[in-house]
PDB file of N, CA and C in Angstrom:
ATOM      1  N   MET A   1      -9.144  -3.139  -0.291  1.00  0.00           N
ATOM      2  CA  MET A   1      -8.438  -2.810   1.365  1.00  0.00           C
ATOM      3  C   MET A   1      -9.443  -3.601   2.337  1.00  0.00           C
ATOM      4  N   ARG A   2      -8.857  -4.047   3.298  1.00  0.00           N
ATOM      5  CA  ARG A   2      -9.759  -4.612   4.473  1.00  0.00           C
ATOM      6  C   ARG A   2      -8.668  -4.250   5.763  1.00  0.00           C
ATOM      7  N   LEU A   3      -9.807  -3.812   6.823  1.00  0.00           N
ATOM      8  CA  LEU A   3      -9.319  -3.721   7.903  1.00  0.00           C
ATOM      9  C   LEU A   3      -9.629  -4.980   8.723  1.00  0.00           C
ATOM     10  N   ASN A   4      -8.424  -5.676   9.210  1.00  0.00           N
ATOM     11  CA  ASN A   4      -8.487  -6.753  10.402  1.00  0.00           C
ATOM     12  C   ASN A   4      -8.007  -6.620  11.749  1.00  0.00           C
ATOM     13  N   GLY A   5      -8.574  -5.981  12.366  1.00  0.00           N
ATOM     14  CA  GLY A   5      -8.192  -5.878  13.908  1.00  0.00           C
ATOM     15  C   GLY A   5      -7.172  -4.791  13.903  1.00  0.00           C
ATOM     16  N   GLY A   6      -7.389  -3.729  13.292  1.00  0.00           N
ATOM     17  CA  GLY A   6      -6.469  -2.591  13.006  1.00  0.00           C
ATOM     18  C   GLY A   6      -4.855  -2.760  12.248  1.00  0.00           C
ATOM     19  N   PHE A   7      -5.367  -4.264  11.154  1.00  0.00           N
ATOM     20  CA  PHE A   7      -4.448  -4.205  10.062  1.00  0.00           C
ATOM     21  C   PHE A   7      -5.162  -3.796   8.811  1.00  0.00           C
ATOM     22  N   TYR A   8      -4.566  -2.918   7.903  1.00  0.00           N
ATOM     23  CA  TYR A   8      -5.052  -2.997   6.701  1.00  0.00           C
ATOM     24  C   TYR A   8      -4.114  -3.853   5.573  1.00  0.00           C
ATOM     25  N   SER A   9      -4.729  -4.573   5.000  1.00  0.00           N
ATOM     26  CA  SER A   9      -4.289  -5.732   4.032  1.00  0.00           C
ATOM     27  C   SER A   9      -4.912  -5.651   2.430  1.00  0.00           C
ATOM     28  N   LEU A  10      -4.012  -5.861   1.601  1.00  0.00           N
ATOM     29  CA  LEU A  10      -4.504  -5.949  -0.072  1.00  0.00           C
ATOM     30  C   LEU A  10      -4.030  -7.142  -0.659  1.00  0.00           C
ATOM     31  N   LYS A  11      -4.711  -7.689  -1.131  1.00  0.00           N
ATOM     32  CA  LYS A  11      -4.623  -8.998  -2.017  1.00  0.00           C
ATOM     33  C   LYS A  11      -3.464  -8.580  -3.156  1.00  0.00           C
ATOM     34  N   THR A  12      -2.638  -9.457  -3.289  1.00  0.00           N
ATOM     35  CA  THR A  12      -1.558  -9.369  -4.439  1.00  0.00           C
ATOM     36  C   THR A  12      -2.291 -10.227  -5.719  1.00  0.00           C
ATOM     37  N   ALA A  13      -1.663  -9.732  -6.894  1.00  0.00           N
ATOM     38  CA  ALA A  13      -2.185 -10.751  -8.124  1.00  0.00           C
ATOM     39  C   ALA A  13      -2.235 -12.146  -7.778  1.00  0.00           C
ATOM     40  N   ASP A  14      -1.107 -12.740  -7.244  1.00  0.00           N
ATOM     41  CA  ASP A  14      -0.891 -14.011  -7.050  1.00  0.00           C
ATOM     42  C   ASP A  14      -1.800 -14.717  -5.813  1.00  0.00           C
ATOM     43  N   ASN A  15      -2.798 -13.877  -5.032  1.00  0.00           N
ATOM     44  CA  ASN A  15      -3.636 -14.175  -4.044  1.00  0.00           C
ATOM     45  C   ASN A  15      -3.213 -14.346  -2.567  1.00  0.00           C
ATOM     46  N   ARG A  16      -1.800 -13.568  -2.464  1.00  0.00           N
ATOM     47  CA  ARG A  16      -1.460 -13.416  -1.049  1.00  0.00           C
ATOM     48  C   ARG A  16      -1.864 -12.447  -0.540  1.00  0.00           C
ATOM     49  N   THR A  17      -2.120 -12.378   0.688  1.00  0.00           N
ATOM     50  CA  THR A  17      -2.500 -11.242   1.590  1.00  0.00           C
ATOM     51  C   THR A  17      -1.363 -10.295   2.208  1.00  0.00           C
ATOM     52  N   GLU A  18      -1.024  -9.170   1.957  1.00  0.00           N
ATOM     53  CA  GLU A  18      -0.116  -8.382   2.324  1.00  0.00           C
ATOM     54  C   GLU A  18      -0.440  -7.269   3.200  1.00  0.00           C
ATOM     55  N   VAL A  19      -0.079  -7.287   4.568  1.00  0.00           N
ATOM     56  CA  VAL A  19      -0.449  -5.787   5.515  1.00  0.00           C
ATOM     57  C   VAL A  19       0.191  -5.175   4.817  1.00  0.00           C
ATOM     58  N   VAL A  20      -0.588  -3.793   4.706  1.00  0.00           N
ATOM     59  CA  VAL A  20       0.156  -2.871   4.242  1.00  0.00           C
ATOM     60  C   VAL A  20       0.193  -1.546   5.104  1.00  0.00           C
ATOM     61  N   ALA A  21      -0.661  -1.379   5.959  1.00  0.00           N
ATOM     62  CA  ALA A  21      -0.782  -0.463   7.075  1.00  0.00           C
ATOM     63  C   ALA A  21      -1.322  -1.214   8.069  1.00  0.00           C
ATOM     64  N   TYR A  22      -0.975  -0.275   9.636  1.00  0.00           N
ATOM     65  CA  TYR A  22      -1.748  -0.696  10.778  1.00  0.00           C
ATOM     66  C   TYR A  22      -2.042   0.282  11.683  1.00  0.00           C
ATOM     67  N   THR A  23      -2.734   0.413  12.509  1.00  0.00           N
ATOM     68  CA  THR A  23      -3.170   1.225  13.308  1.00  0.00           C
ATOM     69  C   THR A  23      -2.333   1.501  14.591  1.00  0.00           C
ATOM     70  N   VAL A  24      -2.276   2.619  15.140  1.00  0.00           N
ATOM     71  CA  VAL A  24      -1.544   2.518  16.467  1.00  0.00           C
ATOM     72  C   VAL A  24      -2.261   3.825  17.250  1.00  0.00           C
ATOM     73  N   ASP A  25      -2.513   3.120  18.663  1.00  0.00           N
ATOM     74  CA  ASP A  25      -3.248   4.054  19.427  1.00  0.00           C
ATOM     75  C   ASP A  25      -2.476   4.933  20.656  1.00  0.00           C
ATOM     76  N   ARG A  26      -1.801   6.007  20.698  1.00  0.00           N
ATOM     77  CA  ARG A  26      -0.951   6.488  21.351  1.00  0.00           C
ATOM     78  C   ARG A  26      -1.385   7.257  22.463  1.00  0.00           C
ATOM     79  N   GLY A  27      -2.625   6.878  22.905  1.00  0.00           N
ATOM     80  CA  GLY A  27      -3.488   7.187  24.048  1.00  0.00           C
ATOM     81  C   GLY A  27      -4.074   8.823  23.936  1.00  0.00           C
ATOM     82  N   THR A  28      -3.784   9.425  22.796  1.00  0.00           N
ATOM     83  CA  THR A  28      -4.647  10.604  22.580  1.00  0.00           C
ATOM     84  C   THR A  28      -6.118  10.813  22.226  1.00  0.00           C
ATOM     85  N   GLY A  29      -6.667   9.703  22.098  1.00  0.00           N
ATOM     86  CA  GLY A  29      -7.896   9.485  21.804  1.00  0.00           C
ATOM     87  C   GLY A  29      -7.894   9.704  20.325  1.00  0.00           C
ATOM     88  N   PHE A  30      -7.033   9.646  19.441  1.00  0.00           N
ATOM     89  CA  PHE A  30      -6.541   9.475  18.140  1.00  0.00           C
ATOM     90  C   PHE A  30      -5.977   8.480  17.739  1.00  0.00           C
ATOM     91  N   LEU A  31      -6.457   8.010  16.794  1.00  0.00           N
ATOM     92  CA  LEU A  31      -5.448   6.620  15.783  1.00  0.00           C
ATOM     93  C   LEU A  31      -4.484   7.292  14.926  1.00  0.00           C
ATOM     94  N   VAL A  32      -3.235   6.573  14.852  1.00  0.00           N
ATOM     95  CA  VAL A  32      -2.383   6.949  13.960  1.00  0.00           C
ATOM     96  C   VAL A  32      -2.087   5.775  13.027  1.00  0.00           C
ATOM     97  N   TYR A  33      -2.415   6.094  11.611  1.00  0.00           N
ATOM     98  CA  TYR A  33      -2.107   5.086  10.600  1.00  0.00           C
ATOM     99  C   TYR A  33      -0.738   4.904  10.068  1.00  0.00           C
ATOM    100  N   LYS A  34       0.048   3.556  10.166  1.00  0.00           N
ATOM    101  CA  LYS A  34       1.455   3.709   9.837  1.00  0.00           C
ATOM    102  C   LYS A  34       1.419   2.632   8.507  1.00  0.00           C
ATOM    103  N   ALA A  35       2.327   3.012   7.825  1.00  0.00           N
ATOM    104  CA  ALA A  35       2.540   1.949   6.658  1.00  0.00           C
ATOM    105  C   ALA A  35       3.597   0.921   7.282  1.00  0.00           C
ATOM    106  N   SER A  36       3.357  -0.355   6.936  1.00  0.00           N
ATOM    107  CA  SER A  36       4.231  -1.490   7.404  1.00  0.00           C
ATOM    108  C   SER A  36       5.399  -1.533   6.900  1.00  0.00           C
ATOM    109  N   PRO A  37       6.179  -1.668   7.415  1.00  0.00           N
ATOM    110  CA  PRO A  37       7.944  -1.583   6.907  1.00  0.00           C
ATOM    111  C   PRO A  37       8.153  -2.647   6.180  1.00  0.00           C
ATOM    112  N   ILE A  38       7.756  -3.759   6.503  1.00  0.00           N
ATOM    113  CA  ILE A  38       8.152  -4.844   5.492  1.00  0.00           C
ATOM    114  C   ILE A  38       7.163  -4.781   4.043  1.00  0.00           C
ATOM    115  N   PHE A  39       6.123  -4.066   4.172  1.00  0.00           N
ATOM    116  CA  PHE A  39       5.579  -4.090   2.943  1.00  0.00           C
ATOM    117  C   PHE A  39       6.255  -2.872   2.153  1.00  0.00           C
ATOM    118  N   LEU A  40       6.787  -1.537   2.639  1.00  0.00           N
ATOM    119  CA  LEU A  40       7.528  -0.657   1.899  1.00  0.00           C
ATOM    120  C   LEU A  40       8.745  -1.414   1.409  1.00  0.00           C
ATOM    121  N   ASN A  41       9.548  -2.271   2.395  1.00  0.00           N
ATOM    122  CA  ASN A  41      10.692  -2.865   1.705  1.00  0.00           C
ATOM    123  C   ASN A  41      10.346  -3.425   0.513  1.00  0.00           C
ATOM    124  N   ARG A  42       9.478  -4.477   0.471  1.00  0.00           N
ATOM    125  CA  ARG A  42       9.335  -5.304  -0.208  1.00  0.00           C
ATOM    126  C   ARG A  42       8.815  -4.846  -1.669  1.00  0.00           C
ATOM    127  N   TYR A  43       8.012  -3.906  -1.708  1.00  0.00           N
ATOM    128  CA  TYR A  43       7.602  -3.129  -2.850  1.00  0.00           C
ATOM    129  C   TYR A  43       7.805  -1.612  -3.074  1.00  0.00           C
ATOM    130  N   SER A  44       8.998  -1.339  -2.606  1.00  0.00           N
ATOM    131  CA  SER A  44       9.565   0.035  -2.758  1.00  0.00           C
ATOM    132  C   SER A  44       9.623   0.717  -4.150  1.00  0.00           C
ATOM    133  N   ASP A  45       9.888  -0.403  -5.196  1.00  0.00           N
ATOM    134  CA  ASP A  45       9.966  -0.091  -6.458  1.00  0.00           C
ATOM    135  C   ASP A  45       8.602   0.263  -7.327  1.00  0.00           C
ATOM    136  N   LEU A  46       7.562  -0.076  -6.492  1.00  0.00           N
ATOM    137  CA  LEU A  46       6.251   0.058  -7.277  1.00  0.00           C
ATOM    138  C   LEU A  46       5.088   1.154  -6.407  1.00  0.00           C
ATOM    139  N   ILE A  47       5.517   1.700  -5.489  1.00  0.00           N
ATOM    140  CA  ILE A  47       4.792   2.377  -4.410  1.00  0.00           C
ATOM    141  C   ILE A  47       5.329   3.675  -4.079  1.00  0.00           C
ATOM    142  N   PRO A  48       4.706   4.984  -4.324  1.00  0.00           N
ATOM    143  CA  PRO A  48       5.051   6.198  -3.925  1.00  0.00           C
ATOM    144  C   PRO A  48       5.046   6.475  -2.656  1.00  0.00           C
ATOM    145  N   ILE A  49       6.189   6.630  -1.765  1.00  0.00           N
ATOM    146  CA  ILE A  49       6.279   6.860  -0.480  1.00  0.00           C
ATOM    147  C   ILE A  49       6.880   8.216  -0.203  1.00  0.00           C
ATOM    148  N   ASP A  50       7.650   9.182  -0.741  1.00  0.00           N
ATOM    149  CA  ASP A  50       7.752  10.433  -0.557  1.00  0.00           C
ATOM    150  C   ASP A  50       8.212  10.907   0.910  1.00  0.00           C
ATOM    151  N   GLY A  51       8.847   9.854   1.657  1.00  0.00           N
ATOM    152  CA  GLY A  51       9.294   9.999   3.202  1.00  0.00           C
ATOM    153  C   GLY A  51       7.974   9.914   3.949  1.00  0.00           C
ATOM    154  N   ILE A  52       6.794  10.074   3.446  1.00  0.00           N
ATOM    155  CA  ILE A  52       5.616   9.820   4.524  1.00  0.00           C
ATOM    156  C   ILE A  52       5.297   8.171   4.581  1.00  0.00           C
ATOM    157  N   ASP A  53       5.096   7.984   5.923  1.00  0.00           N
ATOM    158  CA  ASP A  53       4.684   6.728   6.224  1.00  0.00           C
ATOM    159  C   ASP A  53       3.788   6.608   7.482  1.00  0.00           C
ATOM    160  N   GLU A  54       3.045   7.574   7.921  1.00  0.00           N
ATOM    161  CA  GLU A  54       1.992   8.080   8.670  1.00  0.00           C
ATOM    162  C   GLU A  54       1.363   8.858   8.547  1.00  0.00           C
ATOM    163  N   TRP A  55      -0.083   8.389   8.757  1.00  0.00           N
ATOM    164  CA  TRP A  55      -1.101   9.586   8.355  1.00  0.00           C
ATOM    165  C   TRP A  55      -1.909   9.613   9.712  1.00  0.00           C
ATOM    166  N   TYR A  56      -2.683  10.591  10.155  1.00  0.00           N
ATOM    167  CA  TYR A  56      -3.519  10.794  11.278  1.00  0.00           C
ATOM    168  C   TYR A  56      -4.790  11.101  10.834  1.00  0.00           C
ATOM    169  N   LEU A  57      -5.356  10.920   9.312  1.00  0.00           N
ATOM    170  CA  LEU A  57      -6.613  11.019   9.224  1.00  0.00           C
ATOM    171  C   LEU A  57      -6.664   9.724   8.016  1.00  0.00           C
ATOM    172  N   LYS A  58      -7.691   9.152   8.323  1.00  0.00           N
ATOM    173  CA  LYS A  58      -8.104   7.918   7.480  1.00  0.00           C
ATOM    174  C   LYS A  58      -8.003   8.238   6.110  1.00  0.00           C
ATOM    175  N   ASN A  59      -8.627   9.406   5.396  1.00  0.00           N
ATOM    176  CA  ASN A  59      -8.885   9.719   4.407  1.00  0.00           C
ATOM    177  C   ASN A  59      -7.213   9.682   3.729  1.00  0.00           C
ATOM    178  N   ASP A  60      -6.445  10.275   4.399  1.00  0.00           N
ATOM    179  CA  ASP A  60      -4.957  10.431   3.782  1.00  0.00           C
ATOM    180  C   ASP A  60      -4.480   9.035   3.334  1.00  0.00           C
ATOM    181  N   LEU A  61      -4.797   8.029   4.337  1.00  0.00           N
ATOM    182  CA  LEU A  61      -4.240   6.682   4.479  1.00  0.00           C
ATOM    183  C   LEU A  61      -5.061   6.194   2.972  1.00  0.00           C
ATOM    184  N   ALA A  62      -6.179   6.188   2.960  1.00  0.00           N
ATOM    185  CA  ALA A  62      -7.341   5.931   1.579  1.00  0.00           C
ATOM    186  C   ALA A  62      -6.421   6.354   0.183  1.00  0.00           C
ATOM    187  N   VAL A  63      -6.084   7.757   0.055  1.00  0.00           N
ATOM    188  CA  VAL A  63      -5.297   8.205  -0.838  1.00  0.00           C
ATOM    189  C   VAL A  63      -3.851   7.555  -1.360  1.00  0.00           C
ATOM    190  N   TRP A  64      -3.247   7.410  -0.181  1.00  0.00           N
ATOM    191  CA  TRP A  64      -2.117   6.704  -0.328  1.00  0.00           C
ATOM    192  C   TRP A  64      -2.317   5.196  -1.129  1.00  0.00           C
ATOM    193  N   LEU A  65      -3.304   4.365  -0.407  1.00  0.00           N
ATOM    194  CA  LEU A  65      -3.585   3.156  -0.920  1.00  0.00           C
ATOM    195  C   LEU A  65      -4.210   3.125  -2.250  1.00  0.00           C
ATOM    196  N   ASP A  66      -4.877   4.006  -2.670  1.00  0.00           N
ATOM    197  CA  ASP A  66      -5.405   4.323  -4.047  1.00  0.00           C
ATOM    198  C   ASP A  66      -4.440   4.352  -4.945  1.00  0.00           C
ATOM    199  N   SER A  67      -3.262   5.424  -4.481  1.00  0.00           N
ATOM    200  CA  SER A  67      -2.137   5.406  -5.246  1.00  0.00           C
ATOM    201  C   SER A  67      -1.338   4.190  -5.572  1.00  0.00           C
ATOM    202  N   ILE A  68      -1.438   3.118  -4.650  1.00  0.00           N
ATOM    203  CA  ILE A  68      -0.764   1.982  -4.691  1.00  0.00           C
ATOM    204  C   ILE A  68      -1.453   1.188  -5.833  1.00  0.00           C
ATOM    205  N   TYR A  69      -2.998   1.138  -5.867  1.00  0.00           N
ATOM    206  CA  TYR A  69      -3.433   0.240  -6.619  1.00  0.00           C
ATOM    207  C   TYR A  69      -3.136   1.076  -8.049  1.00  0.00           C
ATOM    208  N   PHE A  70      -3.118   2.443  -8.269  1.00  0.00           N
ATOM    209  CA  PHE A  70      -2.398   2.866  -9.671  1.00  0.00           C
ATOM    210  C   PHE A  70      -1.219   2.648 -10.052  1.00  0.00           C
ATOM    211  N   GLN A  71      -0.078   2.693  -9.099  1.00  0.00           N
ATOM    212  CA  GLN A  71       1.424   2.486  -9.609  1.00  0.00           C
ATOM    213  C   GLN A  71       1.462   1.013 -10.108  1.00  0.00           C
ATOM    214  N   SER A  72       0.809   0.368  -9.177  1.00  0.00           N
ATOM    215  CA  SER A  72       0.941  -1.006  -9.527  1.00  0.00           C
ATOM    216  C   SER A  72       0.172  -1.432 -10.805  1.00  0.00           C
ATOM    217  N   PHE A  73      -0.867  -0.928 -11.244  1.00  0.00           N
ATOM    218  CA  PHE A  73      -1.622  -0.861 -12.695  1.00  0.00           C
ATOM    219  C   PHE A  73      -0.458  -0.808 -13.587  1.00  0.00           C
ATOM    220  N   LEU A  74       0.113   0.793 -13.563  1.00  0.00           N
ATOM    221  CA  LEU A  74       0.891   1.096 -14.323  1.00  0.00           C
ATOM    222  C   LEU A  74       1.895   0.285 -14.379  1.00  0.00           C
ATOM    223  N   HIS A  75       2.683  -0.369 -13.285  1.00  0.00           N
ATOM    224  CA  HIS A  75       3.701  -1.185 -13.644  1.00  0.00           C
ATOM    225  C   HIS A  75       3.432  -2.289 -14.612  1.00  0.00           C
ATOM    226  N   CYS A  76       2.381  -2.940 -13.966  1.00  0.00           N
ATOM    227  CA  CYS A  76       1.970  -4.257 -14.862  1.00  0.00           C
ATOM    228  C   CYS A  76       1.809  -4.030 -16.002  1.00  0.00           C
ATOM    229  N   SER A  77       0.947  -3.036 -16.316  1.00  0.00           N
ATOM    230  CA  SER A  77       0.520  -2.539 -17.816  1.00  0.00           C
ATOM    231  C   SER A  77       1.843  -2.417 -18.633  1.00  0.00           C
ATOM    232  N   ILE A  78       2.969  -1.852 -18.134  1.00  0.00           N
ATOM    233  CA  ILE A  78       3.948  -1.335 -18.885  1.00  0.00           C
ATOM    234  C   ILE A  78       4.896  -2.451 -19.107  1.00  0.00           C
ATOM    235  N   GLU A  79       5.128  -3.167 -18.209  1.00  0.00           N
ATOM    236  CA  GLU A  79       5.936  -4.722 -18.379  1.00  0.00           C
ATOM    237  C   GLU A  79       5.025  -5.524 -19.235  1.00  0.00           C
ATOM    238  N   GLY A  80       3.507  -5.753 -19.050  1.00  0.00           N
ATOM    239  CA  GLY A  80       2.800  -6.367 -19.989  1.00  0.00           C
ATOM    240  C   GLY A  80       2.985  -5.945 -21.577  1.00  0.00           C
ATOM    241  N   MET A  81       2.951  -4.746 -21.627  1.00  0.00           N
ATOM    242  CA  MET A  81       3.341  -3.891 -23.151  1.00  0.00           C
ATOM    243  C   MET A  81       4.669  -4.524 -23.669  1.00  0.00           C
ATOM    244  N   ILE A  82       5.407  -4.351 -22.452  1.00  0.00           N
ATOM    245  CA  ILE A  82       7.010  -4.824 -23.187  1.00  0.00           C
ATOM    246  C   ILE A  82       7.196  -6.133 -23.309  1.00  0.00           C
ATOM    247  N   HIS A  83       6.328  -6.876 -22.672  1.00  0.00           N
ATOM    248  CA  HIS A  83       6.688  -8.479 -22.879  1.00  0.00           C
ATOM    249  C   HIS A  83       6.067  -8.952 -24.103  1.00  0.00           C
ATOM    250  N   ALA A  84       4.575  -8.105 -24.296  1.00  0.00           N
ATOM    251  CA  ALA A  84       3.925  -8.461 -25.722  1.00  0.00           C
ATOM    252  C   ALA A  84       4.751  -7.905 -26.948  1.00  0.00           C
ATOM    253  N   THR A  85       5.576  -6.983 -26.962  1.00  0.00           N
ATOM    254  CA  THR A  85       6.138  -6.295 -27.975  1.00  0.00           C
ATOM    255  C   THR A  85       7.368  -7.002 -28.236  1.00  0.00           C
ATOM    256  N   ASN A  86       7.797  -7.932 -27.175  1.00  0.00           N
ATOM    257  CA  ASN A  86       9.115  -8.718 -27.635  1.00  0.00           C
ATOM    258  C   ASN A  86       8.863 -10.228 -27.835  1.00  0.00           C
ATOM    259  N   LEU A  87       7.516 -10.817 -28.187  1.00  0.00           N
ATOM    260  CA  LEU A  87       7.040 -12.080 -28.540  1.00  0.00           C
ATOM    261  C   LEU A  87       7.309 -11.985 -30.159  1.00  0.00           C
TER     262      LEU A  87
END
């Protein structure tokens, strides 16, 4: 995970950079962390959303990002195992 000027990005397996979240300053003195709608649409089959796409604590965003790593690992591992058994 990398923060670039208010954007959080991840590298995909094929070395593309995807913006996964960004910060919003609503003038309250606190930042709000929002999931990128493009990322949510593109990877909706891999990531846990549960209707939550905005966080008020950076730790909550970090937990969501960790779950993306875990879910994508499971997805790739299962697909890899299915492919290997069909050889």
